[in-house]
Each structure stands twice: as structure tokens, then as C-alpha cells.
C-alpha atoms as a PDB file:
ATOM      1  CA  MET A   1      -0.698 -20.982  -5.773  1.00  0.00           C
ATOM      2  CA  PRO A   2      -1.815 -17.003  -5.882  1.00  0.00           C
ATOM      3  CA  VAL A   3      -4.825 -16.075  -4.349  1.00  0.00           C
ATOM      4  CA  PRO A   4      -7.476 -16.231  -6.706  1.00  0.00           C
ATOM      5  CA  ASP A   5      -9.382 -12.966  -7.981  1.00  0.00           C
ATOM      6  CA  PHE A   6     -12.783 -12.431  -6.223  1.00  0.00           C
ATOM      7  CA  GLN A   7     -14.971 -13.354  -9.378  1.00  0.00           C
ATOM      8  CA  SER A   8     -13.292 -16.811  -9.552  1.00  0.00           C
ATOM      9  CA  MET A   9     -14.494 -17.328  -5.651  1.00  0.00           C
ATOM     10  CA  MET A  10     -17.853 -17.044  -6.178  1.00  0.00           C
ATOM     11  CA  LEU A  11     -18.511 -20.203  -7.784  1.00  0.00           C
ATOM     12  CA  PRO A  12     -16.932 -21.852  -4.962  1.00  0.00           C
ATOM     13  CA  LEU A  13     -18.489 -19.797  -2.286  1.00  0.00           C
ATOM     14  CA  LEU A  14     -21.793 -20.552  -3.421  1.00  0.00           C
ATOM     15  CA  GLU A  15     -20.897 -24.491  -3.830  1.00  0.00           C
ATOM     16  CA  PHE A  16     -19.907 -24.323  -0.369  1.00  0.00           C
ATOM     17  CA  ALA A  17     -23.061 -22.878   0.811  1.00  0.00           C
ATOM     18  CA  GLN A  18     -24.928 -25.573  -1.031  1.00  0.00           C
ATOM     19  CA  ASP A  19     -25.836 -27.525   1.776  1.00  0.00           C
ATOM     20  CA  GLY A  20     -28.419 -25.384   2.818  1.00  0.00           C
ATOM     21  CA  PHE A  21     -27.060 -24.579   6.367  1.00  0.00           C
ATOM     22  CA  ASP A  22     -26.179 -21.279   7.777  1.00  0.00           C
ATOM     23  CA  HIS A  23     -22.624 -20.825   7.393  1.00  0.00           C
ATOM     24  CA  THR A  24     -20.286 -17.500   8.721  1.00  0.00           C
ATOM     25  CA  GLN A  25     -17.731 -15.959   6.575  1.00  0.00           C
ATOM     26  CA  LEU A  26     -14.840 -17.317   8.567  1.00  0.00           C
ATOM     27  CA  GLU A  27     -16.212 -20.658   7.302  1.00  0.00           C
ATOM     28  CA  ALA A  28     -16.305 -19.868   4.001  1.00  0.00           C
ATOM     29  CA  ARG A  29     -12.893 -18.768   4.338  1.00  0.00           C
ATOM     30  CA  GLU A  30     -11.417 -21.929   5.583  1.00  0.00           C
ATOM     31  CA  SER A  31     -13.059 -23.578   3.176  1.00  0.00           C
ATOM     32  CA  LEU A  32     -11.956 -21.853   0.122  1.00  0.00           C
ATOM     33  CA  ALA A  33      -8.589 -21.765   1.463  1.00  0.00           C
ATOM     34  CA  THR A  34      -8.783 -25.641   1.283  1.00  0.00           C
ATOM     35  CA  ARG A  35     -10.303 -25.833  -1.973  1.00  0.00           C
ATOM     36  CA  PHE A  36      -7.906 -23.385  -3.527  1.00  0.00           C
ATOM     37  CA  GLY A  37      -4.628 -25.342  -1.711  1.00  0.00           C
ATOM     38  CA  LEU A  38      -3.643 -21.588  -0.067  1.00  0.00           C
ATOM     39  CA  THR A  39      -0.502 -21.586   1.841  1.00  0.00           C
ATOM     40  CA  ALA A  40      -0.475 -19.939   5.118  1.00  0.00           C
ATOM     41  CA  GLN A  41       1.706 -17.036   3.054  1.00  0.00           C
ATOM     42  CA  ASP A  42      -0.744 -16.879   0.590  1.00  0.00           C
ATOM     43  CA  LEU A  43      -3.592 -16.035   3.283  1.00  0.00           C
ATOM     44  CA  VAL A  44      -1.433 -13.028   4.621  1.00  0.00           C
ATOM     45  CA  GLU A  45      -0.691 -11.750   1.332  1.00  0.00           C
ATOM     46  CA  LEU A  46      -1.993  -8.098   1.590  1.00  0.00           C
ATOM     47  CA  THR A  47      -3.691  -6.119  -0.888  1.00  0.00           C
ATOM     48  CA  PRO A  48      -1.699  -3.630  -3.264  1.00  0.00           C
ATOM     49  CA  GLY A  49      -1.908  -0.795  -0.269  1.00  0.00           C
ATOM     50  CA  GLY A  50      -1.093  -3.221   2.607  1.00  0.00           C
ATOM     51  CA  GLY A  51      -4.966  -2.246   3.924  1.00  0.00           C
ATOM     52  CA  GLN A  52      -5.932  -5.963   4.780  1.00  0.00           C
ATOM     53  CA  THR A  53      -5.153  -9.399   3.347  1.00  0.00           C
ATOM     54  CA  ALA A  54      -6.225  -9.856  -0.092  1.00  0.00           C
ATOM     55  CA  PHE A  55      -7.959 -13.237   0.259  1.00  0.00           C
ATOM     56  CA  ALA A  56     -10.216 -11.834   3.058  1.00  0.00           C
ATOM     57  CA  ASN A  57     -10.846  -9.064   0.637  1.00  0.00           C
ATOM     58  CA  ARG A  58     -11.811 -11.231  -2.005  1.00  0.00           C
ATOM     59  CA  VAL A  59     -13.853 -13.813  -0.232  1.00  0.00           C
ATOM     60  CA  ALA A  60     -15.627 -10.619   1.147  1.00  0.00           C
ATOM     61  CA  TRP A  61     -16.749  -9.110  -2.226  1.00  0.00           C
ATOM     62  CA  ALA A  62     -17.384 -12.311  -3.931  1.00  0.00           C
ATOM     63  CA  LYS A  63     -19.799 -12.824  -1.078  1.00  0.00           C
ATOM     64  CA  VAL A  64     -21.267  -9.337  -1.795  1.00  0.00           C
ATOM     65  CA  HIS A  65     -21.959  -9.817  -5.469  1.00  0.00           C
ATOM     66  CA  LEU A  66     -23.403 -13.027  -4.966  1.00  0.00           C
ATOM     67  CA  GLN A  67     -25.726 -11.592  -2.305  1.00  0.00           C
ATOM     68  CA  GLY A  68     -26.616  -8.773  -4.682  1.00  0.00           C
ATOM     69  CA  ALA A  69     -27.880 -11.078  -6.965  1.00  0.00           C
ATOM     70  CA  GLN A  70     -29.679 -12.876  -4.298  1.00  0.00           C
ATOM     71  CA  LEU A  71     -28.038 -16.410  -4.914  1.00  0.00           C
ATOM     72  CA  ILE A  72     -27.092 -15.966  -0.979  1.00  0.00           C
ATOM     73  CA  GLN A  73     -28.855 -14.171   1.661  1.00  0.00           C
ATOM     74  CA  PRO A  74     -27.744 -13.090   5.064  1.00  0.00           C
ATOM     75  CA  VAL A  75     -29.252 -14.453   8.109  1.00  0.00           C
ATOM     76  CA  SER A  76     -27.640 -12.468  10.696  1.00  0.00           C
ATOM     77  CA  ARG A  77     -24.505 -10.655  11.494  1.00  0.00           C
ATOM     78  CA  GLY A  78     -21.868 -12.451   9.602  1.00  0.00           C
ATOM     79  CA  VAL A  79     -24.130 -15.068   8.648  1.00  0.00           C
ATOM     80  CA  PHE A  80     -25.506 -16.174   5.464  1.00  0.00           C
ATOM     81  CA  ARG A  81     -27.509 -19.331   3.280  1.00  0.00           C
ATOM     82  CA  ILE A  82     -27.954 -20.158   0.001  1.00  0.00           C
ATOM     83  CA  THR A  83     -31.005 -19.409  -1.727  1.00  0.00           C
ATOM     84  CA  ASP A  84     -33.499 -21.042  -4.465  1.00  0.00           C
ATOM     85  CA  ARG A  85     -32.049 -19.114  -7.267  1.00  0.00           C
ATOM     86  CA  GLY A  86     -28.460 -19.880  -5.817  1.00  0.00           C
ATOM     87  CA  ARG A  87     -29.611 -23.549  -6.048  1.00  0.00           C
ATOM     88  CA  GLU A  88     -31.021 -23.136  -9.725  1.00  0.00           C
ATOM     89  CA  ILE A  89     -27.586 -21.660 -10.472  1.00  0.00           C
ATOM     90  CA  LEU A  90     -25.685 -24.395  -9.445  1.00  0.00           C
ATOM     91  CA  ALA A  91     -28.565 -26.931 -10.915  1.00  0.00           C
ATOM     92  CA  ARG A  92     -26.972 -25.584 -14.315  1.00  0.00           C
ATOM     93  CA  LYS A  93     -23.759 -26.962 -13.650  1.00  0.00           C
ATOM     94  CA  VAL A  94     -22.018 -23.588 -14.662  1.00  0.00           C
ATOM     95  CA  GLY A  95     -18.420 -23.989 -14.981  1.00  0.00           C
ATOM     96  CA  ALA A  96     -17.424 -20.499 -13.874  1.00  0.00           C
ATOM     97  CA  LEU A  97     -19.313 -17.582 -12.240  1.00  0.00           C
ATOM     98  CA  ARG A  98     -18.684 -14.291 -13.570  1.00  0.00           C
ATOM     99  CA  ILE A  99     -20.188 -10.891 -13.055  1.00  0.00           C
ATOM    100  CA  LYS A 100     -21.525 -11.101 -16.756  1.00  0.00           C
ATOM    101  CA  HIS A 101     -23.661 -14.183 -15.637  1.00  0.00           C
ATOM    102  CA  LEU A 102     -25.037 -12.056 -12.687  1.00  0.00           C
ATOM    103  CA  GLU A 103     -26.258  -9.374 -14.648  1.00  0.00           C
ATOM    104  CA  GLU A 104     -29.120 -11.566 -15.871  1.00  0.00           C
ATOM    105  CA  PHE A 105     -31.146 -10.371 -12.813  1.00  0.00           C
ATOM    106  CA  GLU A 106     -32.823  -7.427 -12.214  1.00  0.00           C
ATOM    107  CA  GLU A 107     -31.934  -7.450  -8.863  1.00  0.00           C
ATOM    108  CA  TYR A 108     -28.147  -7.491  -9.518  1.00  0.00           C
ATOM    109  CA  LEU A 109     -28.490  -4.774 -11.991  1.00  0.00           C
ATOM    110  CA  ARG A 110     -30.349  -2.310  -9.472  1.00  0.00           C
ATOM    111  CA  PHE A 111     -27.501  -3.458  -6.816  1.00  0.00           C
ATOM    112  CA  ARG A 112     -24.766  -2.506  -9.464  1.00  0.00           C
ATOM    113  CA  ASN A 113     -26.604   0.625 -10.377  1.00  0.00           C
ATOM    114  CA  LEU A 114     -26.358  -0.629 -14.123  1.00  0.00           C
ATOM    115  CA  GLY A 115     -29.534   0.347 -15.454  1.00  0.00           C
ATOM    116  CA  LYS A 116     -33.219   0.428 -14.993  1.00  0.00           C
ATOM    117  CA  ASN A 117     -33.641  -3.126 -16.978  1.00  0.00           C
ATOM    118  CA  LYS A 118     -32.117  -5.917 -18.307  1.00  0.00           C
ATOM    119  CA  HIS A 119     -33.005  -4.607 -22.062  1.00  0.00           C
ATOM    120  CA  GLU A 120     -30.674  -1.298 -21.157  1.00  0.00           C
ATOM    121  CA  SER A 121     -28.370  -3.071 -19.719  1.00  0.00           C
ATOM    122  CA  ALA A 122     -27.854  -5.583 -22.661  1.00  0.00           C
ATOM    123  CA  HIS A 123     -28.301  -2.679 -25.253  1.00  0.00           C
ATOM    124  CA  GLN A 124     -25.425  -0.513 -23.427  1.00  0.00           C
ATOM    125  CA  GLY A 125     -23.337  -3.325 -22.258  1.00  0.00           C
ATOM    126  CA  SER A 126     -21.861  -4.142 -19.015  1.00  0.00           C
ATOM    127  CA  SER A 127     -19.811  -1.305 -17.125  1.00  0.00           C
ATOM    128  CA  VAL A 128     -17.913  -3.858 -14.978  1.00  0.00           C
ATOM    129  CA  PRO A 129     -15.646  -5.655 -17.874  1.00  0.00           C
ATOM    130  CA  ASP A 130     -15.479  -9.599 -17.136  1.00  0.00           C
ATOM    131  CA  SER A 131     -11.441  -9.227 -17.209  1.00  0.00           C
ATOM    132  CA  ASN A 132     -11.797  -7.426 -14.073  1.00  0.00           C
ATOM    133  CA  THR A 133     -10.348  -9.276 -11.133  1.00  0.00           C
ATOM    134  CA  GLN A 134      -9.979  -6.653  -8.496  1.00  0.00           C
ATOM    135  CA  THR A 135     -12.529  -5.828  -5.970  1.00  0.00           C
ATOM    136  CA  PRO A 136     -13.194  -1.723  -5.706  1.00  0.00           C
ATOM    137  CA  PHE A 137     -10.928  -1.581  -2.501  1.00  0.00           C
ATOM    138  CA  GLU A 138      -8.118  -3.135  -4.691  1.00  0.00           C
ATOM    139  CA  MET A 139      -8.501  -0.885  -7.525  1.00  0.00           C
ATOM    140  CA  LEU A 140      -8.541   2.340  -5.230  1.00  0.00           C
ATOM    141  CA  GLU A 141      -5.397   1.247  -3.657  1.00  0.00           C
ATOM    142  CA  GLN A 142      -3.900   0.466  -6.936  1.00  0.00           C
ATOM    143  CA  ALA A 143      -4.791   4.063  -8.176  1.00  0.00           C
ATOM    144  CA  ILE A 144      -3.516   5.541  -4.707  1.00  0.00           C
ATOM    145  CA  GLY A 145      -0.068   4.035  -5.215  1.00  0.00           C
ATOM    146  CA  GLY A 146      -0.111   5.230  -8.853  1.00  0.00           C
ATOM    147  CA  LEU A 147      -0.558   8.819  -8.354  1.00  0.00           C
ATOM    148  CA  ASN A 148       2.062   7.991  -5.350  1.00  0.00           C
ATOM    149  CA  GLN A 149       4.524   6.492  -7.881  1.00  0.00           C
ATOM    150  CA  SER A 150       4.188   9.694 -10.358  1.00  0.00           C
ATOM    151  CA  LEU A 151       4.134  11.960  -7.001  1.00  0.00           C
ATOM    152  CA  VAL A 152       7.758  10.399  -6.456  1.00  0.00           C
ATOM    153  CA  ALA A 153       9.265  10.710  -9.854  1.00  0.00           C
ATOM    154  CA  GLU A 154       7.712  14.514  -9.988  1.00  0.00           C
ATOM    155  CA  VAL A 155       9.400  15.540  -6.460  1.00  0.00           C
ATOM    156  CA  LEU A 156      12.417  13.984  -7.081  1.00  0.00           C
ATOM    157  CA  SER A 157      12.802  15.375 -10.603  1.00  0.00           C
ATOM    158  CA  ILE A 158      12.283  18.874  -9.171  1.00  0.00           C
ATOM    159  CA  VAL A 159      14.758  18.094  -6.453  1.00  0.00           C
ATOM    160  CA  LYS A 160      17.548  17.295  -8.889  1.00  0.00           C
ATOM    161  CA  SER A 161      17.163  20.467 -10.709  1.00  0.00           C
ATOM    162  CA  LYS A 162      17.572  22.935  -7.750  1.00  0.00           C
ATOM    163  CA  PRO A 163      20.947  24.030  -6.523  1.00  0.00           C
ATOM    164  CA  PRO A 164      22.780  22.378  -3.714  1.00  0.00           C
ATOM    165  CA  ALA A 165      22.163  25.315  -1.159  1.00  0.00           C
ATOM    166  CA  PHE A 166      18.112  24.410  -1.760  1.00  0.00           C
ATOM    167  CA  PHE A 167      19.029  20.677  -1.125  1.00  0.00           C
ATOM    168  CA  GLU A 168      20.921  21.577   1.866  1.00  0.00           C
ATOM    169  CA  GLN A 169      17.970  23.785   3.235  1.00  0.00           C
ATOM    170  CA  LEU A 170      15.677  20.426   1.980  1.00  0.00           C
ATOM    171  CA  VAL A 171      17.344  18.196   4.258  1.00  0.00           C
ATOM    172  CA  ILE A 172      17.184  20.342   7.176  1.00  0.00           C
ATOM    173  CA  GLU A 173      13.360  20.988   7.046  1.00  0.00           C
ATOM    174  CA  LEU A 174      12.781  17.074   6.265  1.00  0.00           C
ATOM    175  CA  LEU A 175      14.796  16.174   9.279  1.00  0.00           C
ATOM    176  CA  VAL A 176      13.043  18.457  11.596  1.00  0.00           C
ATOM    177  CA  LYS A 177       9.778  17.425  10.292  1.00  0.00           C
ATOM    178  CA  MET A 178      10.638  14.059  11.155  1.00  0.00           C
ATOM    179  CA  GLY A 179      11.304  15.063  14.849  1.00  0.00           C
ATOM    180  CA  TYR A 180      15.207  15.766  14.704  1.00  0.00           C
ATOM    181  CA  GLY A 181      17.152  18.814  15.284  1.00  0.00           C
ATOM    182  CA  GLY A 182      14.874  20.548  17.885  1.00  0.00           C
ATOM    183  CA  SER A 183      13.946  23.453  16.010  1.00  0.00           C
ATOM    184  CA  GLN A 184      14.716  25.171  12.219  1.00  0.00           C
ATOM    185  CA  GLN A 185      17.125  27.440  13.473  1.00  0.00           C
ATOM    186  CA  ASN A 186      19.301  24.689  15.921  1.00  0.00           C
ATOM    187  CA  ALA A 187      19.043  22.290  12.544  1.00  0.00           C
ATOM    188  CA  ALA A 188      20.066  25.126  10.532  1.00  0.00           C
ATOM    189  CA  ARG A 189      23.321  25.870  12.125  1.00  0.00           C
ATOM    190  CA  ALA A 190      24.041  22.277  12.489  1.00  0.00           C
ATOM    191  CA  VAL A 191      23.409  20.873   9.134  1.00  0.00           C
ATOM    192  CA  GLY A 192      25.187  24.235   7.720  1.00  0.00           C
ATOM    193  CA  LYS A 193      28.530  23.003   9.080  1.00  0.00           C
ATOM    194  CA  SER A 194      29.590  21.557   5.726  1.00  0.00           C
ATOM    195  CA  GLY A 195      33.102  20.329   4.590  1.00  0.00           C
ATOM    196  CA  ASP A 196      33.910  18.841   7.747  1.00  0.00           C
ATOM    197  CA  GLU A 197      36.413  15.821   7.107  1.00  0.00           C
ATOM    198  CA  GLY A 198      33.515  14.130   5.100  1.00  0.00           C
ATOM    199  CA  ILE A 199      30.821  15.391   7.628  1.00  0.00           C
ATOM    200  CA  ASP A 200      28.134  17.766   6.131  1.00  0.00           C
ATOM    201  CA  GLY A 201      26.054  18.514   9.456  1.00  0.00           C
ATOM    202  CA  ILE A 202      25.690  17.581  13.082  1.00  0.00           C
ATOM    203  CA  ILE A 203      22.139  17.406  14.042  1.00  0.00           C
ATOM    204  CA  ASP A 204      20.190  16.374  17.232  1.00  0.00           C
ATOM    205  CA  GLU A 205      18.868  13.142  17.466  1.00  0.00           C
ATOM    206  CA  ASP A 206      15.817  14.507  20.018  1.00  0.00           C
ATOM    207  CA  ARG A 207      14.794  17.782  21.222  1.00  0.00           C
ATOM    208  CA  LEU A 208      16.953  17.805  24.278  1.00  0.00           C
ATOM    209  CA  GLY A 209      20.300  17.111  22.401  1.00  0.00           C
ATOM    210  CA  LEU A 210      20.898  14.044  24.208  1.00  0.00           C
ATOM    211  CA  ASP A 211      22.309  12.249  21.178  1.00  0.00           C
ATOM    212  CA  VAL A 212      23.435  13.420  17.686  1.00  0.00           C
ATOM    213  CA  ILE A 213      23.602  12.103  14.202  1.00  0.00           C
ATOM    214  CA  TYR A 214      26.020  13.061  11.897  1.00  0.00           C
ATOM    215  CA  VAL A 215      24.928  13.631   8.211  1.00  0.00           C
ATOM    216  CA  GLN A 216      26.078  13.491   4.766  1.00  0.00           C
ATOM    217  CA  ALA A 217      23.918  15.121   1.733  1.00  0.00           C
ATOM    218  CA  LYS A 218      25.008  14.315  -1.784  1.00  0.00           C
ATOM    219  CA  LYS A 219      22.982  15.810  -4.491  1.00  0.00           C
ATOM    220  CA  TRP A 220      24.569  13.307  -7.231  1.00  0.00           C
ATOM    221  CA  GLU A 221      23.408  12.051 -10.418  1.00  0.00           C
ATOM    222  CA  GLN A 222      25.882   9.111 -10.014  1.00  0.00           C
ATOM    223  CA  THR A 223      25.669   6.007  -8.010  1.00  0.00           C
ATOM    224  CA  VAL A 224      26.854   6.368  -4.590  1.00  0.00           C
ATOM    225  CA  GLN A 225      29.873   3.737  -4.601  1.00  0.00           C
ATOM    226  CA  ARG A 226      31.046   1.968  -1.475  1.00  0.00           C
ATOM    227  CA  PRO A 227      34.675   4.149  -0.941  1.00  0.00           C
ATOM    228  CA  GLU A 228      32.289   7.179  -0.499  1.00  0.00           C
ATOM    229  CA  LEU A 229      30.864   5.440   2.761  1.00  0.00           C
ATOM    230  CA  GLN A 230      33.529   4.252   3.777  1.00  0.00           C
ATOM    231  CA  LYS A 231      35.014   7.879   4.056  1.00  0.00           C
ATOM    232  CA  PHE A 232      31.900   8.817   5.334  1.00  0.00           C
ATOM    233  CA  VAL A 233      32.332   5.998   8.331  1.00  0.00           C
ATOM    234  CA  GLY A 234      35.912   6.876   8.652  1.00  0.00           C
ATOM    235  CA  ALA A 235      35.002  10.527   9.667  1.00  0.00           C
ATOM    236  CA  LEU A 236      32.387   9.020  12.031  1.00  0.00           C
ATOM    237  CA  GLN A 237      35.104   7.019  13.682  1.00  0.00           C
ATOM    238  CA  GLY A 238      37.223  10.091  13.809  1.00  0.00           C
ATOM    239  CA  LYS A 239      34.297  11.697  15.763  1.00  0.00           C
ATOM    240  CA  ARG A 240      33.974   8.659  17.677  1.00  0.00           C
ATOM    241  CA  ALA A 241      30.217   9.018  16.582  1.00  0.00           C
ATOM    242  CA  LYS A 242      27.899   5.594  16.368  1.00  0.00           C
ATOM    243  CA  LYS A 243      25.428   7.308  14.263  1.00  0.00           C
ATOM    244  CA  GLY A 244      24.797   8.684  10.960  1.00  0.00           C
ATOM    245  CA  ILE A 245      22.592   9.469   7.705  1.00  0.00           C
ATOM    246  CA  PHE A 246      23.877   9.672   4.252  1.00  0.00           C
ATOM    247  CA  ILE A 247      21.377  11.189   1.907  1.00  0.00           C
ATOM    248  CA  THR A 248      21.617  11.363  -1.594  1.00  0.00           C
ATOM    249  CA  THR A 249      19.233  12.208  -4.872  1.00  0.00           C
ATOM    250  CA  SER A 250      20.847   9.550  -6.709  1.00  0.00           C
ATOM    251  CA  GLU A 251      21.033   5.739  -5.506  1.00  0.00           C
ATOM    252  CA  PHE A 252      23.491   3.510  -3.525  1.00  0.00           C
ATOM    253  CA  SER A 253      25.296   0.497  -5.068  1.00  0.00           C
ATOM    254  CA  ALA A 254      24.720  -3.017  -3.776  1.00  0.00           C
ATOM    255  CA  GLY A 255      28.363  -3.202  -2.618  1.00  0.00           C
ATOM    256  CA  ALA A 256      27.602   0.281  -0.727  1.00  0.00           C
ATOM    257  CA  ARG A 257      24.535  -1.274   1.230  1.00  0.00           C
ATOM    258  CA  GLU A 258      26.305  -4.437   1.993  1.00  0.00           C
ATOM    259  CA  TYR A 259      29.086  -2.590   3.395  1.00  0.00           C
ATOM    260  CA  VAL A 260      27.253  -0.274   5.824  1.00  0.00           C
ATOM    261  CA  LYS A 261      25.136  -3.964   7.081  1.00  0.00           C
ATOM    262  CA  ALA A 262      28.704  -5.196   8.156  1.00  0.00           C
ATOM    263  CA  ILE A 263      30.088  -2.299  10.121  1.00  0.00           C
ATOM    264  CA  ASP A 264      29.450  -1.387  13.854  1.00  0.00           C
ATOM    265  CA  ASN A 265      28.203   1.983  12.877  1.00  0.00           C
ATOM    266  CA  ARG A 266      24.602   2.562  12.307  1.00  0.00           C
ATOM    267  CA  VAL A 267      24.304   4.488   9.299  1.00  0.00           C
ATOM    268  CA  VAL A 268      20.836   4.648   7.676  1.00  0.00           C
ATOM    269  CA  LEU A 269      21.306   5.103   3.942  1.00  0.00           C
ATOM    270  CA  ILE A 270      18.494   7.417   2.282  1.00  0.00           C
ATOM    271  CA  ASP A 271      18.429   7.432  -1.674  1.00  0.00           C
ATOM    272  CA  GLY A 272      16.538   9.351  -3.903  1.00  0.00           C
ATOM    273  CA  ALA A 273      13.101   7.536  -4.206  1.00  0.00           C
ATOM    274  CA  ARG A 274      13.348   6.919  -0.195  1.00  0.00           C
ATOM    275  CA  LEU A 275      13.859  10.931   0.097  1.00  0.00           C
ATOM    276  CA  ALA A 276      10.929  11.683  -2.123  1.00  0.00           C
ATOM    277  CA  ASP A 277       8.885   9.144  -0.091  1.00  0.00           C
ATOM    278  CA  LEU A 278       9.925  10.588   3.045  1.00  0.00           C
ATOM    279  CA  MET A 279       9.152  14.163   1.650  1.00  0.00           C
ATOM    280  CA  ILE A 280       5.792  13.079   0.705  1.00  0.00           C
ATOM    281  CA  GLU A 281       5.113  11.266   4.184  1.00  0.00           C
ATOM    282  CA  PHE A 282       6.001  14.639   6.021  1.00  0.00           C
ATOM    283  CA  ASP A 283       4.345  16.892   3.908  1.00  0.00           C
ATOM    284  CA  VAL A 284       7.892  18.644   2.517  1.00  0.00           C
ATOM    285  CA  GLY A 285       7.228  20.377  -0.894  1.00  0.00           C
ATOM    286  CA  VAL A 286       3.750  18.646  -1.325  1.00  0.00           C
ATOM    287  CA  SER A 287       0.290  19.525  -0.528  1.00  0.00           C
ATOM    288  CA  THR A 288      -3.245  17.697   0.158  1.00  0.00           C
ATOM    289  CA  VAL A 289      -5.357  18.441  -2.693  1.00  0.00           C
ATOM    290  CA  SER A 290      -8.196  15.910  -1.997  1.00  0.00           C
ATOM    291  CA  THR A 291      -9.118  13.840   0.717  1.00  0.00           C
ATOM    292  CA  TYR A 292     -11.389  11.031   0.386  1.00  0.00           C
ATOM    293  CA  THR A 293     -13.468   8.806   3.135  1.00  0.00           C
ATOM    294  CA  VAL A 294     -13.802   5.336   2.660  1.00  0.00           C
ATOM    295  CA  LYS A 295     -16.891   3.842   4.620  1.00  0.00           C
ATOM    296  CA  ARG A 296     -18.089   0.347   5.186  1.00  0.00           C
ATOM    297  CA  VAL A 297     -21.383  -0.917   6.820  1.00  0.00           C
ATOM    298  CA  ASP A 298     -21.314  -0.894  10.612  1.00  0.00           C
ATOM    299  CA  THR A 299     -23.057  -4.149  11.130  1.00  0.00           C
ATOM    300  CA  ASP A 300     -23.298  -3.581  14.962  1.00  0.00           C
ATOM    301  CA  PHE A 301     -25.679  -0.835  14.587  1.00  0.00           C
ATOM    302  CA  PHE A 302     -27.842  -2.827  12.808  1.00  0.00           C
ATOM    303  CA  GLU A 303     -27.722  -5.868  15.216  1.00  0.00           C
ATOM    304  CA  ASN A 304     -28.107  -3.879  18.419  1.00  0.00           C
END
């Protein structure tokens, strides 16, 4: 089953601690994994940005919110136990525990910085909708992912609007930034040899020129089909070359992708979306606007 959201984990986590013993977060994760019937694959599912496993992240945030409402309390590093307030909540036999339920406690309001007192919070309404099922870390990763998707689309749109000569220069600069070609000047000379039997350029794989890669660059709108790849591979074989890169502003058909998997030559396909991704990764045509640092508590500091 899908990994539950962190609010859905709050009541089970509190029930896990109801025996009054001290428990570690690892013990809590093991118990909740069993309770929710999660598989090994579920437990390694990553958050949207791939920063950490979704399950561990959500258990941690459920614990943070329960602790903010003083339903559980920390005992030592990574160890917690239920409080009297936590037992009182369980005695109510609530069917679920959500953020809106925690907001009845002054301590939780201060923890969330929602207001100075319950009356003000009730008047203004909760700033955290009950429908919010993501942890702050997941929301941050999702927001960054959305910005990157928009940037990819924008970058690719601009590249497609430029003339072929610009695209050739873009390919040169990107390959050099990725470590190929040795230098901008050497790469420019190599890739500038266009129209050579279906090969647009020859570029050094390393700075010493110990091996070379043949390049085909197509500023196209239509999908690149298998015959275009066959033509390129034929040119590689004519040069007794084993490696090639086929770059396009469009996309490759399923047949084209299956074809390169079945041949002896090592041919890397870079479509428009991947091209834009690489440009962003290697800072070609983009620049950093803002940098944010995400910090967490250093428990070693407080323990030592």
C-alpha cells in the first residue's frame, strides 16, 4: 500500500507509545511499518526530490508534531515516551488524530506559531489545512521540483527558437562543461566539422584525447525515428568508432530507443528535455537566483 501521510501516522505512533516505556524512533518505524502492512519496496520509496525515504521522513514529522503538542516527550537522543496528556487523548477513543486536533493545546500553537492564544487561532483559522498531507520537507522538494520543471520547459523553448549555429555552439559549450573536448577551442574545431557522412562532430572523451566520441546534433521539431539512428550508427561503423552521442531538441521514438539498446555501438541519446536538464545541471544558459540552506537540530551537540 502507499506510504501513509504523516498526519495518518500520528495516532498509530501515539498508540505505539501507550505502554509507557521508552522507545526509539527505529522501534516506532518498525511497529508502524508492520501496522500499515508496508512492503520492503514501500519502505525505500523516496520523497519527491529523492532526499530521503518518505516513510522515515513522515514518521519523524509525526513525532515532531506529537512532541509539539506535548503528547509525547523526549527522554534522550532519539528516545521518547508518552505523556499524561497523550494518554488522555487516547482515552477519548478518537478515530484519527489530525493537526486541527492538536491545535487545542497552547503549547502546540506556540510550536506552530499560529497565534498567542486559542481564541485568536480559532478566530483566524488554522494556517495548516487539514488536507495538507505532506511534511514541510516534502513540500519544499515538490516546490523545487515544480520550479525545475518550469525552467526545463522555458530553457528548451528558447533553444528551439534559436538558429542552428547557436545550437551547435550550445552543444560545444555543454560538452566542455561536462568534461569533454579538453577546451572550448578544441571542442569548437572538432564539432565544427559538420556534414561528414551523418556525423556532425568528433570530440575528445577526455582532456588527453585518449578516446573520441562522435556527435550528431539535430535541431528538430519532429520525432527522431529509427532510420536516423541507423544512419548515424552506420557512420560510426564506417569510422570504426564505438561511441556516439545523438542530441536533438525534439524526442526519440520508442523504436529508436529500442534500436540503440540492441547494437554493439554505445550510443547515448539526449532528447530536448534531457538537454535542458543537463544545461541546468552544468549552468549553461542559466544562473542561480537564490540559495536556501535547510538545517536541522544537531542532537550530538546537545547530548555532548
